[in-house]
Amino acid sequence: MHWTRLIFVVVGAGIVTSMTDWFFAGDWIHRRWTYPEIWRKGSESNAIAVSSALPFVTCGAFVCLAAWLGVTSLGGALRLALLVWIVGPLPLILTNAAFIKLHRVFVVSYSAGWLVKLCVAAIAAALALR
């Protein structure tokens, strides 16, 4: 795998998955189906700046994982994305929802957002590794 190709794929997938974060857990859902007492008061600029880098890390790590496991096809990468979702984000979100006051709509949307994010990373991995 060529490093420049990997960088372009990760940057592109990171930008796309940043948009999925905004769509699935962004302002529209945040305002309507969350409990105000859960969120910190004040400016969210620092939190947004710090968390904006994380989709790029997720996509880069997923591409590296797929390469390490030898998963180069789109179907294999999408299956890997589903398994990673079942192992990581889904149980974490559901466990948090069991103990933290989170609205069901937010939990479902946030879980779906993670699945879409991992599917985008899988598509990026298939493109980078073919």
Foldseek 3Di string as FASTA:
>chain_A
DDPVLLVVLLVVLLVVLLVLCCVLQNDVCVVPFFDVVVDDDDDCVVVCVVCSCVLSVVLSVLLVVCVVVVNQALVSQLVVLVVCLVVPVLVVLVVCVVPPVGGPSSSVSVSVSSSVSSSSSSVSSNVSRD
